[in-house]
């Protein structure tokens, strides 16, 4: 059976960059503690069934949190969550250099266009 991350590249292609990121942000809000605006171990535990992850142990959930917690505060903010989801997808990581190049080209083109005005 395919893992969740296997569907991310398909979603990205079908939705486009903007809508795909919006969907990742929706996923974050679904898992986040509404009062804190962060994904905590407790909010992940409470909402894991929504993702079909209710069979994971606390240790496995904690490991997922630690994998994405780049600032070490014990919770995931929206950026950490989105980065983690993309990092978990082997297909995304294989294409990361191409996306970076495309993003840089777009940024330069937008800058040049705005300078001409």
C-alpha atoms as a PDB file:
ATOM      1  CA  UNK A   1       0.000   0.000   0.000  1.00  0.00           C
ATOM      2  CA  UNK A   2       1.311   3.454  -0.870  1.00  0.00           C
ATOM      3  CA  UNK A   3       2.210   5.810   1.970  1.00  0.00           C
ATOM      4  CA  UNK A   4       0.696   9.267   2.364  1.00  0.00           C
ATOM      5  CA  UNK A   5       3.801  10.969   1.010  1.00  0.00           C
ATOM      6  CA  UNK A   6       3.497   9.064  -2.253  1.00  0.00           C
ATOM      7  CA  UNK A   7       0.385  11.097  -3.102  1.00  0.00           C
ATOM      8  CA  UNK A   8       1.973  14.498  -2.543  1.00  0.00           C
ATOM      9  CA  UNK A   9       3.602  14.795  -6.000  1.00  0.00           C
ATOM     10  CA  UNK A  10       0.315  13.821  -7.653  1.00  0.00           C
ATOM     11  CA  UNK A  11      -1.520  16.445  -5.611  1.00  0.00           C
ATOM     12  CA  UNK A  12       1.072  19.084  -6.493  1.00  0.00           C
ATOM     13  CA  UNK A  13       0.743  18.437 -10.220  1.00  0.00           C
ATOM     14  CA  UNK A  14      -3.052  18.393 -10.169  1.00  0.00           C
ATOM     15  CA  UNK A  15      -3.458  21.450  -7.947  1.00  0.00           C
ATOM     16  CA  UNK A  16      -0.558  23.620  -9.049  1.00  0.00           C
ATOM     17  CA  UNK A  17       1.947  25.234  -6.711  1.00  0.00           C
ATOM     18  CA  UNK A  18      -0.329  27.803  -5.056  1.00  0.00           C
ATOM     19  CA  UNK A  19      -3.281  25.494  -4.387  1.00  0.00           C
ATOM     20  CA  UNK A  20      -0.985  22.670  -3.292  1.00  0.00           C
ATOM     21  CA  UNK A  21       0.605  24.897  -0.651  1.00  0.00           C
ATOM     22  CA  UNK A  22      -2.874  26.000   0.431  1.00  0.00           C
ATOM     23  CA  UNK A  23      -3.819  22.330   0.905  1.00  0.00           C
ATOM     24  CA  UNK A  24      -0.691  21.688   2.979  1.00  0.00           C
ATOM     25  CA  UNK A  25      -1.640  24.669   5.136  1.00  0.00           C
ATOM     26  CA  UNK A  26      -5.160  23.251   5.507  1.00  0.00           C
ATOM     27  CA  UNK A  27      -3.602  19.981   6.668  1.00  0.00           C
ATOM     28  CA  UNK A  28      -1.557  21.897   9.206  1.00  0.00           C
ATOM     29  CA  UNK A  29      -4.659  23.632  10.579  1.00  0.00           C
ATOM     30  CA  UNK A  30      -6.431  20.276  10.785  1.00  0.00           C
ATOM     31  CA  UNK A  31      -3.677  18.868  13.019  1.00  0.00           C
ATOM     32  CA  UNK A  32      -2.809  22.009  14.985  1.00  0.00           C
ATOM     33  CA  UNK A  33      -3.954  22.871  18.469  1.00  0.00           C
ATOM     34  CA  UNK A  34      -6.445  25.686  17.799  1.00  0.00           C
ATOM     35  CA  UNK A  35      -5.405  27.658  20.879  1.00  0.00           C
ATOM     36  CA  UNK A  36      -1.670  27.502  20.189  1.00  0.00           C
ATOM     37  CA  UNK A  37      -1.664  27.505  16.394  1.00  0.00           C
ATOM     38  CA  UNK A  38       0.967  24.753  16.506  1.00  0.00           C
ATOM     39  CA  UNK A  39       0.996  21.001  16.061  1.00  0.00           C
ATOM     40  CA  UNK A  40       1.827  19.572  19.452  1.00  0.00           C
ATOM     41  CA  UNK A  41       2.282  15.938  20.372  1.00  0.00           C
ATOM     42  CA  UNK A  42      -1.159  16.044  22.000  1.00  0.00           C
ATOM     43  CA  UNK A  43      -2.882  17.618  18.978  1.00  0.00           C
ATOM     44  CA  UNK A  44      -1.150  15.133  16.668  1.00  0.00           C
ATOM     45  CA  UNK A  45      -2.226  12.250  18.898  1.00  0.00           C
ATOM     46  CA  UNK A  46      -5.794  13.587  19.055  1.00  0.00           C
ATOM     47  CA  UNK A  47      -6.083  14.137  15.282  1.00  0.00           C
ATOM     48  CA  UNK A  48      -3.936  11.291  13.950  1.00  0.00           C
ATOM     49  CA  UNK A  49      -6.994   9.178  13.119  1.00  0.00           C
ATOM     50  CA  UNK A  50      -7.988  11.792  10.526  1.00  0.00           C
ATOM     51  CA  UNK A  51      -4.861  10.807   8.592  1.00  0.00           C
ATOM     52  CA  UNK A  52      -5.158   7.082   9.214  1.00  0.00           C
ATOM     53  CA  UNK A  53      -2.256   7.254  11.662  1.00  0.00           C
ATOM     54  CA  UNK A  54      -4.191   6.195  14.743  1.00  0.00           C
ATOM     55  CA  UNK A  55      -2.200   2.956  14.978  1.00  0.00           C
ATOM     56  CA  UNK A  56       1.073   4.843  15.600  1.00  0.00           C
ATOM     57  CA  UNK A  57       2.522   4.723  19.083  1.00  0.00           C
ATOM     58  CA  UNK A  58       3.395   7.809  21.112  1.00  0.00           C
ATOM     59  CA  UNK A  59       7.061   7.096  20.412  1.00  0.00           C
ATOM     60  CA  UNK A  60       6.403   7.063  16.652  1.00  0.00           C
ATOM     61  CA  UNK A  61       4.363  10.274  16.837  1.00  0.00           C
ATOM     62  CA  UNK A  62       7.095  11.890  18.948  1.00  0.00           C
ATOM     63  CA  UNK A  63       9.702  10.829  16.364  1.00  0.00           C
ATOM     64  CA  UNK A  64       7.627  12.458  13.615  1.00  0.00           C
ATOM     65  CA  UNK A  65       7.457  15.661  15.641  1.00  0.00           C
ATOM     66  CA  UNK A  66      11.196  15.645  16.300  1.00  0.00           C
ATOM     67  CA  UNK A  67      11.933  15.055  12.611  1.00  0.00           C
ATOM     68  CA  UNK A  68      10.203  18.290  11.652  1.00  0.00           C
ATOM     69  CA  UNK A  69      10.899  20.467  14.705  1.00  0.00           C
ATOM     70  CA  UNK A  70      13.742  22.566  13.341  1.00  0.00           C
ATOM     71  CA  UNK A  71      13.646  25.230  16.071  1.00  0.00           C
ATOM     72  CA  UNK A  72      13.563  22.715  18.932  1.00  0.00           C
ATOM     73  CA  UNK A  73      10.461  24.100  20.658  1.00  0.00           C
ATOM     74  CA  UNK A  74       8.735  20.698  20.787  1.00  0.00           C
ATOM     75  CA  UNK A  75       5.978  21.679  18.347  1.00  0.00           C
ATOM     76  CA  UNK A  76       5.569  22.212  14.616  1.00  0.00           C
ATOM     77  CA  UNK A  77       4.672  25.577  13.166  1.00  0.00           C
ATOM     78  CA  UNK A  78       3.150  25.837   9.703  1.00  0.00           C
ATOM     79  CA  UNK A  79       6.490  26.212   7.918  1.00  0.00           C
ATOM     80  CA  UNK A  80       8.061  23.261   9.742  1.00  0.00           C
ATOM     81  CA  UNK A  81       5.020  21.119   8.889  1.00  0.00           C
ATOM     82  CA  UNK A  82       5.102  22.024   5.179  1.00  0.00           C
ATOM     83  CA  UNK A  83       8.862  21.450   4.943  1.00  0.00           C
ATOM     84  CA  UNK A  84       8.492  18.091   6.709  1.00  0.00           C
ATOM     85  CA  UNK A  85       5.733  16.933   4.354  1.00  0.00           C
ATOM     86  CA  UNK A  86       7.837  17.764   1.319  1.00  0.00           C
ATOM     87  CA  UNK A  87      10.990  16.223   2.822  1.00  0.00           C
ATOM     88  CA  UNK A  88       9.104  12.977   3.453  1.00  0.00           C
ATOM     89  CA  UNK A  89       8.347  12.593  -0.239  1.00  0.00           C
ATOM     90  CA  UNK A  90      11.216  10.951  -2.151  1.00  0.00           C
ATOM     91  CA  UNK A  91       9.801  12.233  -5.445  1.00  0.00           C
ATOM     92  CA  UNK A  92       9.784  15.798  -4.194  1.00  0.00           C
ATOM     93  CA  UNK A  93      13.349  15.595  -2.972  1.00  0.00           C
ATOM     94  CA  UNK A  94      14.488  14.238  -6.337  1.00  0.00           C
ATOM     95  CA  UNK A  95      12.936  17.262  -8.041  1.00  0.00           C
ATOM     96  CA  UNK A  96      14.008  19.856  -5.452  1.00  0.00           C
ATOM     97  CA  UNK A  97      16.835  21.279  -7.559  1.00  0.00           C
ATOM     98  CA  UNK A  98      14.542  21.698 -10.563  1.00  0.00           C
ATOM     99  CA  UNK A  99      11.931  23.490  -8.427  1.00  0.00           C
ATOM    100  CA  UNK A 100      14.537  25.785  -6.924  1.00  0.00           C
ATOM    101  CA  UNK A 101      15.793  26.698 -10.385  1.00  0.00           C
ATOM    102  CA  UNK A 102      12.242  27.343 -11.606  1.00  0.00           C
ATOM    103  CA  UNK A 103      11.444  29.484  -8.550  1.00  0.00           C
ATOM    104  CA  UNK A 104      14.603  31.540  -9.035  1.00  0.00           C
ATOM    105  CA  UNK A 105      13.867  32.092 -12.725  1.00  0.00           C
ATOM    106  CA  UNK A 106      10.311  33.181 -11.880  1.00  0.00           C
ATOM    107  CA  UNK A 107      11.590  35.558  -9.204  1.00  0.00           C
ATOM    108  CA  UNK A 108      14.101  37.150 -11.587  1.00  0.00           C
ATOM    109  CA  UNK A 109      11.459  37.505 -14.301  1.00  0.00           C
ATOM    110  CA  UNK A 110       9.018  39.143 -11.858  1.00  0.00           C
ATOM    111  CA  UNK A 111      11.721  41.516 -10.640  1.00  0.00           C
ATOM    112  CA  UNK A 112      12.684  42.483 -14.186  1.00  0.00           C
ATOM    113  CA  UNK A 113       9.038  43.018 -15.103  1.00  0.00           C
ATOM    114  CA  UNK A 114       8.432  45.263 -12.087  1.00  0.00           C
ATOM    115  CA  UNK A 115      11.623  47.262 -12.828  1.00  0.00           C
ATOM    116  CA  UNK A 116      10.398  47.984 -16.387  1.00  0.00           C
ATOM    117  CA  UNK A 117       7.228  49.620 -15.063  1.00  0.00           C
END
